[in-house]
PDB file of all heavy atoms in Angstrom:
ATOM      1  N   GLU A   1      -9.952  11.706  11.638  1.00  0.00           N
ATOM      2  CA  GLU A   1     -10.938  12.234  10.721  1.00  0.00           C
ATOM      3  C   GLU A   1     -10.517  11.969   9.222  1.00  0.00           C
ATOM      4  O   GLU A   1     -11.459  11.662   8.331  1.00  0.00           O
ATOM      5  CB  GLU A   1     -11.024  13.727  10.892  1.00  0.00           C
ATOM      6  CG  GLU A   1     -11.698  14.124  12.231  1.00  0.00           C
ATOM      7  CD  GLU A   1     -11.918  15.591  12.464  1.00  0.00           C
ATOM      8  OE1 GLU A   1     -11.743  16.332  11.347  1.00  0.00           O
ATOM      9  OE2 GLU A   1     -12.353  16.021  13.446  1.00  0.00           O
ATOM     10  N   ASP A   2      -9.294  12.152   8.885  1.00  0.00           N
ATOM     11  CA  ASP A   2      -8.899  11.851   7.575  1.00  0.00           C
ATOM     12  C   ASP A   2      -8.979  10.483   7.105  1.00  0.00           C
ATOM     13  O   ASP A   2      -8.366   9.517   7.823  1.00  0.00           O
ATOM     14  CB  ASP A   2      -7.434  12.420   7.338  1.00  0.00           C
ATOM     15  CG  ASP A   2      -6.905  12.252   5.902  1.00  0.00           C
ATOM     16  OD1 ASP A   2      -7.330  13.096   5.115  1.00  0.00           O
ATOM     17  OD2 ASP A   2      -6.129  11.310   5.750  1.00  0.00           O
ATOM     18  N   LYS A   3      -9.631  10.080   6.050  1.00  0.00           N
ATOM     19  CA  LYS A   3      -9.864   8.690   5.739  1.00  0.00           C
ATOM     20  C   LYS A   3      -8.547   7.995   5.294  1.00  0.00           C
ATOM     21  O   LYS A   3      -8.282   6.880   5.853  1.00  0.00           O
ATOM     22  CB  LYS A   3     -10.764   8.623   4.503  1.00  0.00           C
ATOM     23  CG  LYS A   3     -11.062   7.113   4.059  1.00  0.00           C
ATOM     24  CD  LYS A   3     -11.928   7.051   2.916  1.00  0.00           C
ATOM     25  CE  LYS A   3     -12.060   5.652   2.239  1.00  0.00           C
ATOM     26  NZ  LYS A   3     -12.715   5.533   0.982  1.00  0.00           N
ATOM     27  N   GLY A   4      -7.696   8.663   4.781  1.00  0.00           N
ATOM     28  CA  GLY A   4      -6.401   8.168   4.362  1.00  0.00           C
ATOM     29  C   GLY A   4      -5.593   7.773   5.606  1.00  0.00           C
ATOM     30  O   GLY A   4      -4.947   6.660   5.584  1.00  0.00           O
ATOM     31  N   GLU A   5      -5.575   8.604   6.471  1.00  0.00           N
ATOM     32  CA  GLU A   5      -4.803   8.393   7.698  1.00  0.00           C
ATOM     33  C   GLU A   5      -5.396   7.332   8.581  1.00  0.00           C
ATOM     34  O   GLU A   5      -4.760   6.525   9.111  1.00  0.00           O
ATOM     35  CB  GLU A   5      -4.668   9.735   8.589  1.00  0.00           C
ATOM     36  CG  GLU A   5      -3.716  10.711   7.908  1.00  0.00           C
ATOM     37  CD  GLU A   5      -2.348  10.301   7.858  1.00  0.00           C
ATOM     38  OE1 GLU A   5      -1.836   9.739   8.765  1.00  0.00           O
ATOM     39  OE2 GLU A   5      -1.863  10.494   6.714  1.00  0.00           O
ATOM     40  N   ARG A   6      -6.769   7.187   8.480  1.00  0.00           N
ATOM     41  CA  ARG A   6      -7.472   6.172   9.249  1.00  0.00           C
ATOM     42  C   ARG A   6      -7.122   4.890   8.607  1.00  0.00           C
ATOM     43  O   ARG A   6      -6.866   3.843   9.383  1.00  0.00           O
ATOM     44  CB  ARG A   6      -9.002   6.394   9.181  1.00  0.00           C
ATOM     45  CG  ARG A   6      -9.806   5.591  10.247  1.00  0.00           C
ATOM     46  CD  ARG A   6     -11.234   5.845  10.043  1.00  0.00           C
ATOM     47  NE  ARG A   6     -11.646   7.186   9.887  1.00  0.00           N
ATOM     48  CZ  ARG A   6     -12.346   7.605   8.949  1.00  0.00           C
ATOM     49  NH1 ARG A   6     -12.886   6.917   8.000  1.00  0.00           N
ATOM     50  NH2 ARG A   6     -12.569   8.935   8.871  1.00  0.00           N
ATOM     51  N   GLU A   7      -7.111   4.792   7.319  1.00  0.00           N
ATOM     52  CA  GLU A   7      -6.701   3.563   6.564  1.00  0.00           C
ATOM     53  C   GLU A   7      -5.317   3.132   6.968  1.00  0.00           C
ATOM     54  O   GLU A   7      -5.053   1.872   7.202  1.00  0.00           O
ATOM     55  CB  GLU A   7      -6.779   3.678   4.995  1.00  0.00           C
ATOM     56  CG  GLU A   7      -8.247   3.899   4.511  1.00  0.00           C
ATOM     57  CD  GLU A   7      -8.283   4.067   3.101  1.00  0.00           C
ATOM     58  OE1 GLU A   7      -7.283   4.563   2.424  1.00  0.00           O
ATOM     59  OE2 GLU A   7      -9.371   3.791   2.446  1.00  0.00           O
ATOM     60  N   LYS A   8      -4.330   4.119   7.024  1.00  0.00           N
ATOM     61  CA  LYS A   8      -3.035   3.801   7.258  1.00  0.00           C
ATOM     62  C   LYS A   8      -2.958   3.206   8.770  1.00  0.00           C
ATOM     63  O   LYS A   8      -2.210   2.264   8.982  1.00  0.00           O
ATOM     64  CB  LYS A   8      -2.217   5.085   7.123  1.00  0.00           C
ATOM     65  CG  LYS A   8      -0.753   4.831   7.207  1.00  0.00           C
ATOM     66  CD  LYS A   8       0.079   6.133   7.244  1.00  0.00           C
ATOM     67  CE  LYS A   8      -0.056   6.875   6.027  1.00  0.00           C
ATOM     68  NZ  LYS A   8       0.746   8.145   5.908  1.00  0.00           N
ATOM     69  N   TYR A   9      -3.624   3.939   9.654  1.00  0.00           N
ATOM     70  CA  TYR A   9      -3.534   3.382  11.064  1.00  0.00           C
ATOM     71  C   TYR A   9      -4.133   2.030  11.264  1.00  0.00           C
ATOM     72  O   TYR A   9      -3.463   1.156  11.919  1.00  0.00           O
ATOM     73  CB  TYR A   9      -4.479   4.445  11.975  1.00  0.00           C
ATOM     74  CG  TYR A   9      -4.653   3.946  13.294  1.00  0.00           C
ATOM     75  CD1 TYR A   9      -3.696   4.208  14.333  1.00  0.00           C
ATOM     76  CD2 TYR A   9      -5.738   3.174  13.755  1.00  0.00           C
ATOM     77  CE1 TYR A   9      -3.908   3.700  15.661  1.00  0.00           C
ATOM     78  CE2 TYR A   9      -5.924   2.721  15.041  1.00  0.00           C
ATOM     79  CZ  TYR A   9      -5.005   3.118  15.950  1.00  0.00           C
ATOM     80  OH  TYR A   9      -5.171   2.579  17.241  1.00  0.00           O
ATOM     81  N   LEU A  10      -5.266   1.787  10.628  1.00  0.00           N
ATOM     82  CA  LEU A  10      -5.990   0.478  10.685  1.00  0.00           C
ATOM     83  C   LEU A  10      -5.081  -0.553  10.056  1.00  0.00           C
ATOM     84  O   LEU A  10      -4.870  -1.724  10.688  1.00  0.00           O
ATOM     85  CB  LEU A  10      -7.219   0.523  10.050  1.00  0.00           C
ATOM     86  CG  LEU A  10      -8.390   1.180  10.753  1.00  0.00           C
ATOM     87  CD1 LEU A  10      -9.611   1.287   9.772  1.00  0.00           C
ATOM     88  CD2 LEU A  10      -8.708   0.353  12.009  1.00  0.00           C
ATOM     89  N   LEU A  11      -4.316  -0.352   8.978  1.00  0.00           N
ATOM     90  CA  LEU A  11      -3.611  -1.415   8.335  1.00  0.00           C
ATOM     91  C   LEU A  11      -2.414  -1.656   9.202  1.00  0.00           C
ATOM     92  O   LEU A  11      -2.112  -2.910   9.364  1.00  0.00           O
ATOM     93  CB  LEU A  11      -3.083  -0.853   6.880  1.00  0.00           C
ATOM     94  CG  LEU A  11      -2.230  -1.872   6.105  1.00  0.00           C
ATOM     95  CD1 LEU A  11      -3.100  -3.166   5.898  1.00  0.00           C
ATOM     96  CD2 LEU A  11      -1.854  -1.136   4.820  1.00  0.00           C
ATOM     97  N   GLN A  12      -1.719  -0.644   9.738  1.00  0.00           N
ATOM     98  CA  GLN A  12      -0.637  -0.834  10.668  1.00  0.00           C
ATOM     99  C   GLN A  12      -1.142  -1.653  11.906  1.00  0.00           C
ATOM    100  O   GLN A  12      -0.316  -2.531  12.317  1.00  0.00           O
ATOM    101  CB  GLN A  12       0.078   0.542  11.101  1.00  0.00           C
ATOM    102  CG  GLN A  12       1.171   0.436  12.060  1.00  0.00           C
ATOM    103  CD  GLN A  12       1.801   1.695  12.424  1.00  0.00           C
ATOM    104  OE1 GLN A  12       1.372   2.698  11.722  1.00  0.00           O
ATOM    105  NE2 GLN A  12       2.530   1.724  13.508  1.00  0.00           N
ATOM    106  N   LYS A  13      -2.075  -1.271  12.429  1.00  0.00           N
ATOM    107  CA  LYS A  13      -2.605  -2.084  13.677  1.00  0.00           C
ATOM    108  C   LYS A  13      -2.962  -3.451  13.293  1.00  0.00           C
ATOM    109  O   LYS A  13      -2.535  -4.455  14.130  1.00  0.00           O
ATOM    110  CB  LYS A  13      -3.820  -1.296  14.148  1.00  0.00           C
ATOM    111  CG  LYS A  13      -4.228  -1.776  15.616  1.00  0.00           C
ATOM    112  CD  LYS A  13      -3.251  -1.246  16.699  1.00  0.00           C
ATOM    113  CE  LYS A  13      -3.737  -1.655  18.047  1.00  0.00           C
ATOM    114  NZ  LYS A  13      -2.846  -1.313  19.111  1.00  0.00           N
ATOM    115  N   LEU A  14      -3.649  -3.675  12.235  1.00  0.00           N
ATOM    116  CA  LEU A  14      -3.976  -5.016  11.890  1.00  0.00           C
ATOM    117  C   LEU A  14      -2.660  -5.842  11.655  1.00  0.00           C
ATOM    118  O   LEU A  14      -2.670  -7.064  12.009  1.00  0.00           O
ATOM    119  CB  LEU A  14      -4.934  -5.099  10.630  1.00  0.00           C
ATOM    120  CG  LEU A  14      -6.318  -4.570  10.926  1.00  0.00           C
ATOM    121  CD1 LEU A  14      -7.027  -4.343   9.649  1.00  0.00           C
ATOM    122  CD2 LEU A  14      -7.092  -5.622  11.807  1.00  0.00           C
ATOM    123  N   GLU A  15      -1.717  -5.304  11.024  1.00  0.00           N
ATOM    124  CA  GLU A  15      -0.507  -6.119  10.726  1.00  0.00           C
ATOM    125  C   GLU A  15       0.214  -6.411  12.029  1.00  0.00           C
ATOM    126  O   GLU A  15       0.818  -7.389  12.111  1.00  0.00           O
ATOM    127  CB  GLU A  15       0.299  -5.299   9.809  1.00  0.00           C
ATOM    128  CG  GLU A  15      -0.157  -5.239   8.374  1.00  0.00           C
ATOM    129  CD  GLU A  15      -0.184  -6.526   7.631  1.00  0.00           C
ATOM    130  OE1 GLU A  15       0.840  -7.320   7.742  1.00  0.00           O
ATOM    131  OE2 GLU A  15      -1.227  -6.999   7.106  1.00  0.00           O
ATOM    132  N   GLU A  16       0.159  -5.487  12.906  1.00  0.00           N
ATOM    133  CA  GLU A  16       0.813  -5.761  14.238  1.00  0.00           C
ATOM    134  C   GLU A  16       0.135  -6.845  14.936  1.00  0.00           C
ATOM    135  O   GLU A  16       0.812  -7.690  15.564  1.00  0.00           O
ATOM    136  CB  GLU A  16       0.694  -4.492  15.131  1.00  0.00           C
ATOM    137  CG  GLU A  16       1.683  -3.288  14.742  1.00  0.00           C
ATOM    138  CD  GLU A  16       1.500  -2.005  15.385  1.00  0.00           C
ATOM    139  OE1 GLU A  16       0.527  -2.045  16.273  1.00  0.00           O
ATOM    140  OE2 GLU A  16       2.188  -1.029  15.076  1.00  0.00           O
ATOM    141  N   LEU A  17      -1.177  -6.791  14.972  1.00  0.00           N
ATOM    142  CA  LEU A  17      -1.934  -7.978  15.694  1.00  0.00           C
ATOM    143  C   LEU A  17      -1.636  -9.264  14.971  1.00  0.00           C
ATOM    144  O   LEU A  17      -1.555 -10.275  15.600  1.00  0.00           O
ATOM    145  CB  LEU A  17      -3.406  -7.564  15.556  1.00  0.00           C
ATOM    146  CG  LEU A  17      -3.769  -6.492  16.499  1.00  0.00           C
ATOM    147  CD1 LEU A  17      -5.219  -6.022  16.295  1.00  0.00           C
ATOM    148  CD2 LEU A  17      -3.600  -6.692  17.950  1.00  0.00           C
ATOM    149  N   LEU A  18      -1.636  -9.271  13.535  1.00  0.00           N
ATOM    150  CA  LEU A  18      -1.406 -10.524  12.903  1.00  0.00           C
ATOM    151  C   LEU A  18      -0.056 -11.049  13.179  1.00  0.00           C
ATOM    152  O   LEU A  18       0.085 -12.245  13.322  1.00  0.00           O
ATOM    153  CB  LEU A  18      -1.522 -10.159  11.337  1.00  0.00           C
ATOM    154  CG  LEU A  18      -1.213 -11.335  10.431  1.00  0.00           C
ATOM    155  CD1 LEU A  18      -2.248 -12.539  10.651  1.00  0.00           C
ATOM    156  CD2 LEU A  18      -1.262 -10.914   8.993  1.00  0.00           C
ATOM    157  N   GLU A  19       1.062 -10.185  13.327  1.00  0.00           N
ATOM    158  CA  GLU A  19       2.366 -10.573  13.624  1.00  0.00           C
ATOM    159  C   GLU A  19       2.311 -11.339  14.981  1.00  0.00           C
ATOM    160  O   GLU A  19       3.175 -12.315  15.151  1.00  0.00           O
ATOM    161  CB  GLU A  19       3.236  -9.361  13.681  1.00  0.00           C
ATOM    162  CG  GLU A  19       4.713  -9.751  13.798  1.00  0.00           C
ATOM    163  CD  GLU A  19       5.680  -8.586  13.741  1.00  0.00           C
ATOM    164  OE1 GLU A  19       5.215  -7.484  13.229  1.00  0.00           O
ATOM    165  OE2 GLU A  19       6.857  -8.842  14.079  1.00  0.00           O
ATOM    166  N   ARG A  20       1.604 -10.823  15.934  1.00  0.00           N
ATOM    167  CA  ARG A  20       1.510 -11.470  17.135  1.00  0.00           C
ATOM    168  C   ARG A  20       0.747 -12.856  17.257  1.00  0.00           C
ATOM    169  O   ARG A  20       1.143 -13.669  18.049  1.00  0.00           O
ATOM    170  CB  ARG A  20       0.706 -10.564  18.203  1.00  0.00           C
ATOM    171  CG  ARG A  20       1.455  -9.475  18.901  1.00  0.00           C
ATOM    172  CD  ARG A  20       0.684  -8.488  19.641  1.00  0.00           C
ATOM    173  NE  ARG A  20      -0.543  -8.886  20.339  1.00  0.00           N
ATOM    174  CZ  ARG A  20      -1.357  -8.070  20.796  1.00  0.00           C
ATOM    175  NH1 ARG A  20      -1.159  -6.725  20.837  1.00  0.00           N
ATOM    176  NH2 ARG A  20      -2.388  -8.440  21.422  1.00  0.00           N
ATOM    177  N   ARG A  21      -0.084 -13.026  16.346  1.00  0.00           N
ATOM    178  CA  ARG A  21      -1.024 -14.267  16.268  1.00  0.00           C
ATOM    179  C   ARG A  21      -0.701 -15.208  15.230  1.00  0.00           C
ATOM    180  O   ARG A  21      -1.207 -16.249  15.244  1.00  0.00           O
ATOM    181  CB  ARG A  21      -2.427 -13.716  16.157  1.00  0.00           C
ATOM    182  CG  ARG A  21      -2.819 -12.799  17.338  1.00  0.00           C
ATOM    183  CD  ARG A  21      -4.021 -11.985  17.052  1.00  0.00           C
ATOM    184  NE  ARG A  21      -4.519 -11.171  18.201  1.00  0.00           N
ATOM    185  CZ  ARG A  21      -5.448 -10.211  18.157  1.00  0.00           C
ATOM    186  NH1 ARG A  21      -6.080  -9.997  16.942  1.00  0.00           N
ATOM    187  NH2 ARG A  21      -5.731  -9.482  19.258  1.00  0.00           N
ATOM    188  N   SER A  22      -0.002 -14.778  14.104  1.00  0.00           N
ATOM    189  CA  SER A  22       0.093 -15.606  12.955  1.00  0.00           C
ATOM    190  C   SER A  22       0.741 -17.043  13.225  1.00  0.00           C
ATOM    191  O   SER A  22       0.367 -17.997  12.581  1.00  0.00           O
ATOM    192  CB  SER A  22       0.810 -14.904  11.785  1.00  0.00           C
ATOM    193  OG  SER A  22       2.251 -14.614  12.309  1.00  0.00           O
ATOM    194  N   HIS A  23       1.715 -17.197  14.118  1.00  0.00           N
ATOM    195  CA  HIS A  23       2.403 -18.391  14.482  1.00  0.00           C
ATOM    196  C   HIS A  23       1.322 -19.332  14.884  1.00  0.00           C
ATOM    197  O   HIS A  23       1.412 -20.648  14.856  1.00  0.00           O
ATOM    198  CB  HIS A  23       3.405 -18.176  15.558  1.00  0.00           C
ATOM    199  CG  HIS A  23       3.012 -17.824  16.899  1.00  0.00           C
ATOM    200  ND1 HIS A  23       2.479 -16.465  17.110  1.00  0.00           N
ATOM    201  CD2 HIS A  23       2.972 -18.509  18.077  1.00  0.00           C
ATOM    202  CE1 HIS A  23       2.145 -16.505  18.371  1.00  0.00           C
ATOM    203  NE2 HIS A  23       2.526 -17.677  19.034  1.00  0.00           N
ATOM    204  N   ARG A  24       0.189 -18.925  15.610  1.00  0.00           N
ATOM    205  CA  ARG A  24      -0.899 -19.762  16.087  1.00  0.00           C
ATOM    206  C   ARG A  24      -1.847 -20.035  14.798  1.00  0.00           C
ATOM    207  O   ARG A  24      -2.107 -21.231  14.594  1.00  0.00           O
ATOM    208  CB  ARG A  24      -1.747 -19.036  17.109  1.00  0.00           C
ATOM    209  CG  ARG A  24      -1.123 -18.767  18.351  1.00  0.00           C
ATOM    210  CD  ARG A  24      -0.625 -19.943  19.180  1.00  0.00           C
ATOM    211  NE  ARG A  24      -0.343 -19.493  20.469  1.00  0.00           N
ATOM    212  CZ  ARG A  24       0.427 -20.076  21.301  1.00  0.00           C
ATOM    213  NH1 ARG A  24       1.111 -21.242  20.922  1.00  0.00           N
ATOM    214  NH2 ARG A  24       0.728 -19.689  22.516  1.00  0.00           N
ATOM    215  N   TYR A  25      -2.151 -19.079  14.017  1.00  0.00           N
ATOM    216  CA  TYR A  25      -3.084 -19.274  12.892  1.00  0.00           C
ATOM    217  C   TYR A  25      -2.475 -20.292  12.025  1.00  0.00           C
ATOM    218  O   TYR A  25      -3.287 -21.169  11.418  1.00  0.00           O
ATOM    219  CB  TYR A  25      -3.377 -17.991  12.236  1.00  0.00           C
ATOM    220  CG  TYR A  25      -4.093 -16.962  13.061  1.00  0.00           C
ATOM    221  CD1 TYR A  25      -3.855 -15.615  12.757  1.00  0.00           C
ATOM    222  CD2 TYR A  25      -5.000 -17.250  13.884  1.00  0.00           C
ATOM    223  CE1 TYR A  25      -4.726 -14.593  13.323  1.00  0.00           C
ATOM    224  CE2 TYR A  25      -5.665 -16.308  14.578  1.00  0.00           C
ATOM    225  CZ  TYR A  25      -5.494 -14.890  14.256  1.00  0.00           C
ATOM    226  OH  TYR A  25      -6.117 -14.003  14.977  1.00  0.00           O
TER     227      TYR A  25
END
């Protein structure tokens, strides 16, 4: 519900996904 916490969660999740895929990109 909290926008700030939602932003923090999304940023962390996106960075995790990028780390998994960046060597391909």
